[in-house]
C-alpha atoms as a PDB file:
ATOM      1  CA  MET A   1      -0.301  -0.227   0.222  1.00  0.00           C
ATOM      2  CA  VAL A   2       1.059   3.270  -1.154  1.00  0.00           C
ATOM      3  CA  ILE A   3       0.654   6.474   1.247  1.00  0.00           C
ATOM      4  CA  ASN A   4       2.040   9.766   1.293  1.00  0.00           C
ATOM      5  CA  VAL A   5       3.646  10.032   4.603  1.00  0.00           C
ATOM      6  CA  TYR A   6       4.099  14.599   3.648  1.00  0.00           C
ATOM      7  CA  SER A   7       3.528  16.013   1.332  1.00  0.00           C
ATOM      8  CA  GLN A   8       3.470  19.799   0.300  1.00  0.00           C
ATOM      9  CA  TYR A   9       4.116  22.645  -2.473  1.00  0.00           C
ATOM     10  CA  PHE A  10       6.588  24.930  -2.486  1.00  0.00           C
ATOM     11  CA  GLN A  11       7.795  27.848  -5.034  1.00  0.00           C
ATOM     12  CA  ALA A  12      10.934  26.641  -7.000  1.00  0.00           C
ATOM     13  CA  GLN A  13      13.324  27.509  -9.844  1.00  0.00           C
ATOM     14  CA  ALA A  14      14.341  25.349 -12.537  1.00  0.00           C
ATOM     15  CA  ARG A  15      14.210  24.095 -16.363  1.00  0.00           C
ATOM     16  CA  PHE A  16      12.961  21.519 -17.693  1.00  0.00           C
ATOM     17  CA  SER A  17      11.973  20.508 -21.189  1.00  0.00           C
ATOM     18  CA  GLY A  18      12.168  23.952 -22.257  1.00  0.00           C
ATOM     19  CA  VAL A  19       9.450  24.842 -19.580  1.00  0.00           C
ATOM     20  CA  GLU A  20      10.459  26.833 -16.856  1.00  0.00           C
ATOM     21  CA  ARG A  21       9.223  25.847 -13.277  1.00  0.00           C
ATOM     22  CA  ARG A  22       8.190  28.332 -10.400  1.00  0.00           C
ATOM     23  CA  GLY A  23       6.348  25.385  -8.434  1.00  0.00           C
ATOM     24  CA  ALA A  24       7.611  21.954  -7.042  1.00  0.00           C
ATOM     25  CA  LEU A  25       5.591  19.130  -4.909  1.00  0.00           C
ATOM     26  CA  VAL A  26       7.863  17.546  -2.299  1.00  0.00           C
ATOM     27  CA  LEU A  27       7.124  13.718  -1.180  1.00  0.00           C
ATOM     28  CA  LEU A  28       7.761  11.510   1.614  1.00  0.00           C
ATOM     29  CA  ILE A  29       6.048   8.072  -0.175  1.00  0.00           C
ATOM     30  CA  SER A  30       5.589   4.910   1.915  1.00  0.00           C
ATOM     31  CA  ASP A  31       4.870   1.761   0.595  1.00  0.00           C
ATOM     32  CA  SER A  32       4.553  -1.635   2.124  1.00  0.00           C
ATOM     33  CA  GLU A  33       3.814  -4.810   0.816  1.00  0.00           C
ATOM     34  CA  ALA A  34       4.626  -8.483   1.797  1.00  0.00           C
ATOM     35  CA  GLY A  35       5.910  -7.505   5.030  1.00  0.00           C
ATOM     36  CA  MET A  36       8.425  -5.390   3.623  1.00  0.00           C
ATOM     37  CA  ILE A  37       8.700  -1.238   3.906  1.00  0.00           C
ATOM     38  CA  SER A  38      10.048   1.122   1.703  1.00  0.00           C
ATOM     39  CA  TYR A  39      10.456   5.090   1.830  1.00  0.00           C
ATOM     40  CA  LYS A  40      10.973   7.662  -0.873  1.00  0.00           C
ATOM     41  CA  VAL A  41      11.581  10.918  -0.963  1.00  0.00           C
ATOM     42  CA  ALA A  42      10.586  12.750  -4.644  1.00  0.00           C
ATOM     43  CA  VAL A  43      10.310  16.034  -5.744  1.00  0.00           C
ATOM     44  CA  SER A  44       8.062  17.022  -9.115  1.00  0.00           C
ATOM     45  CA  PHE A  45       8.331  20.347 -10.891  1.00  0.00           C
ATOM     46  CA  PHE A  46       5.789  22.313 -12.287  1.00  0.00           C
ATOM     47  CA  PRO A  47       5.129  25.409 -13.927  1.00  0.00           C
ATOM     48  CA  HIS A  48       2.889  27.203 -11.886  1.00  0.00           C
ATOM     49  CA  ARG A  49       2.264  29.821 -13.945  1.00  0.00           C
ATOM     50  CA  ASP A  50      -0.131  31.539 -11.562  1.00  0.00           C
ATOM     51  CA  ALA A  51      -1.662  31.029  -8.212  1.00  0.00           C
ATOM     52  CA  GLU A  52      -4.377  28.559  -9.406  1.00  0.00           C
ATOM     53  CA  ASP A  53      -1.920  26.544 -11.242  1.00  0.00           C
ATOM     54  CA  PHE A  54      -1.075  23.047  -9.027  1.00  0.00           C
ATOM     55  CA  GLY A  55      -0.848  20.648 -12.858  1.00  0.00           C
ATOM     56  CA  VAL A  56       2.206  18.764 -11.831  1.00  0.00           C
ATOM     57  CA  SER A  57       4.356  17.752 -14.808  1.00  0.00           C
ATOM     58  CA  TYR A  58       5.588  13.708 -14.518  1.00  0.00           C
ATOM     59  CA  ASP A  59       8.364  14.951 -17.013  1.00  0.00           C
ATOM     60  CA  ALA A  60      10.110  16.440 -14.076  1.00  0.00           C
ATOM     61  CA  TYR A  61       9.792  14.210 -11.586  1.00  0.00           C
ATOM     62  CA  PHE A  62      12.658  12.827  -9.555  1.00  0.00           C
ATOM     63  CA  GLU A  63      12.621  10.146  -6.069  1.00  0.00           C
ATOM     64  CA  LYS A  64      15.049   8.158  -4.159  1.00  0.00           C
ATOM     65  CA  GLU A  65      14.426   5.058  -2.147  1.00  0.00           C
ATOM     66  CA  ILE A  66      15.976   6.356   1.568  1.00  0.00           C
ATOM     67  CA  TYR A  67      14.800   3.131   3.324  1.00  0.00           C
ATOM     68  CA  HIS A  68      14.140  -0.809   2.526  1.00  0.00           C
ATOM     69  CA  ALA A  69      13.528  -3.108   5.073  1.00  0.00           C
ATOM     70  CA  PRO A  70      11.286  -5.618   6.554  1.00  0.00           C
ATOM     71  CA  GLY A  71       8.728  -3.944   9.392  1.00  0.00           C
ATOM     72  CA  ARG A  72       5.914  -2.054   8.713  1.00  0.00           C
ATOM     73  CA  ARG A  73       5.435   2.237   9.475  1.00  0.00           C
ATOM     74  CA  SER A  74       6.560   3.860  12.522  1.00  0.00           C
ATOM     75  CA  LYS A  75       6.304   7.082  13.558  1.00  0.00           C
ATOM     76  CA  LYS A  76       9.223   7.601  14.789  1.00  0.00           C
ATOM     77  CA  ARG A  77      11.101   6.858  11.693  1.00  0.00           C
ATOM     78  CA  GLU A  78       9.122   8.779   9.634  1.00  0.00           C
ATOM     79  CA  THR A  79       9.415  11.921  12.096  1.00  0.00           C
ATOM     80  CA  ALA A  80      13.352  11.441  11.237  1.00  0.00           C
ATOM     81  CA  PHE A  81      12.915  10.859   7.534  1.00  0.00           C
ATOM     82  CA  LEU A  82      11.454  14.168   8.180  1.00  0.00           C
ATOM     83  CA  GLU A  83      13.937  15.990   9.443  1.00  0.00           C
ATOM     84  CA  SER A  84      16.222  14.703   6.593  1.00  0.00           C
ATOM     85  CA  LEU A  85      13.828  15.575   3.759  1.00  0.00           C
ATOM     86  CA  ARG A  86      14.914  18.782   3.010  1.00  0.00           C
ATOM     87  CA  SER A  87      18.455  17.887   2.682  1.00  0.00           C
ATOM     88  CA  GLU A  88      17.679  14.658   0.620  1.00  0.00           C
ATOM     89  CA  ILE A  89      15.443  16.877  -1.974  1.00  0.00           C
ATOM     90  CA  ASP A  90      17.613  19.361  -1.731  1.00  0.00           C
ATOM     91  CA  ALA A  91      20.624  17.002  -3.318  1.00  0.00           C
ATOM     92  CA  ILE A  92      17.913  15.515  -5.908  1.00  0.00           C
ATOM     93  CA  ALA A  93      17.616  19.158  -7.040  1.00  0.00           C
ATOM     94  CA  ALA A  94      20.875  20.326  -7.435  1.00  0.00           C
ATOM     95  CA  GLU A  95      21.553  17.463  -9.901  1.00  0.00           C
ATOM     96  CA  HIS A  96      18.919  18.842 -12.253  1.00  0.00           C
ATOM     97  CA  ASP A  97      19.979  22.361 -11.414  1.00  0.00           C
ATOM     98  CA  ALA A  98      16.899  23.293  -9.944  1.00  0.00           C
ATOM     99  CA  VAL A  99      15.952  24.774  -6.228  1.00  0.00           C
ATOM    100  CA  VAL A 100      12.985  24.317  -4.319  1.00  0.00           C
ATOM    101  CA  ASP A 101      12.316  27.688  -1.994  1.00  0.00           C
ATOM    102  CA  TRP A 102      11.809  26.134   1.404  1.00  0.00           C
ATOM    103  CA  LYS A 103      10.942  29.720   2.692  1.00  0.00           C
ATOM    104  CA  HIS A 104       7.874  30.169   0.138  1.00  0.00           C
ATOM    105  CA  PRO A 105       5.661  27.623   0.620  1.00  0.00           C
ATOM    106  CA  LEU A 106       2.152  26.967  -1.808  1.00  0.00           C
ATOM    107  CA  ASN A 107      -0.100  25.476   1.063  1.00  0.00           C
ATOM    108  CA  GLU A 108      -0.107  23.703   3.976  1.00  0.00           C
ATOM    109  CA  ALA A 109       1.454  20.463   4.779  1.00  0.00           C
ATOM    110  CA  ARG A 110      -0.480  17.496   4.123  1.00  0.00           C
ATOM    111  CA  MET A 111       0.218  14.767   6.539  1.00  0.00           C
ATOM    112  CA  GLY A 112      -0.559  10.889   5.578  1.00  0.00           C
END
């Protein structure tokens, strides 16, 4: 079962497929199946042309698995992953010449 443990939109700066991206959707994703649990951090950069534009583009979606082991969801583990989320996302963004503007969220965080 896939669960978005955390998701939030932020202002961003990037360019993919010749299109300027001014927004980023940041995620912490949990996936459990057959007694195994994995966690991924993910970011998707999207155009965000105006205040109502939250159409996420999947041509600029990047993810990284940060945990995979036997077990199930753990609040303690998820808290630790949330503490390192920004540095993980910053590293992914830097690999693609992109920046997430953490000081300018576009919405409230959603926890799942």
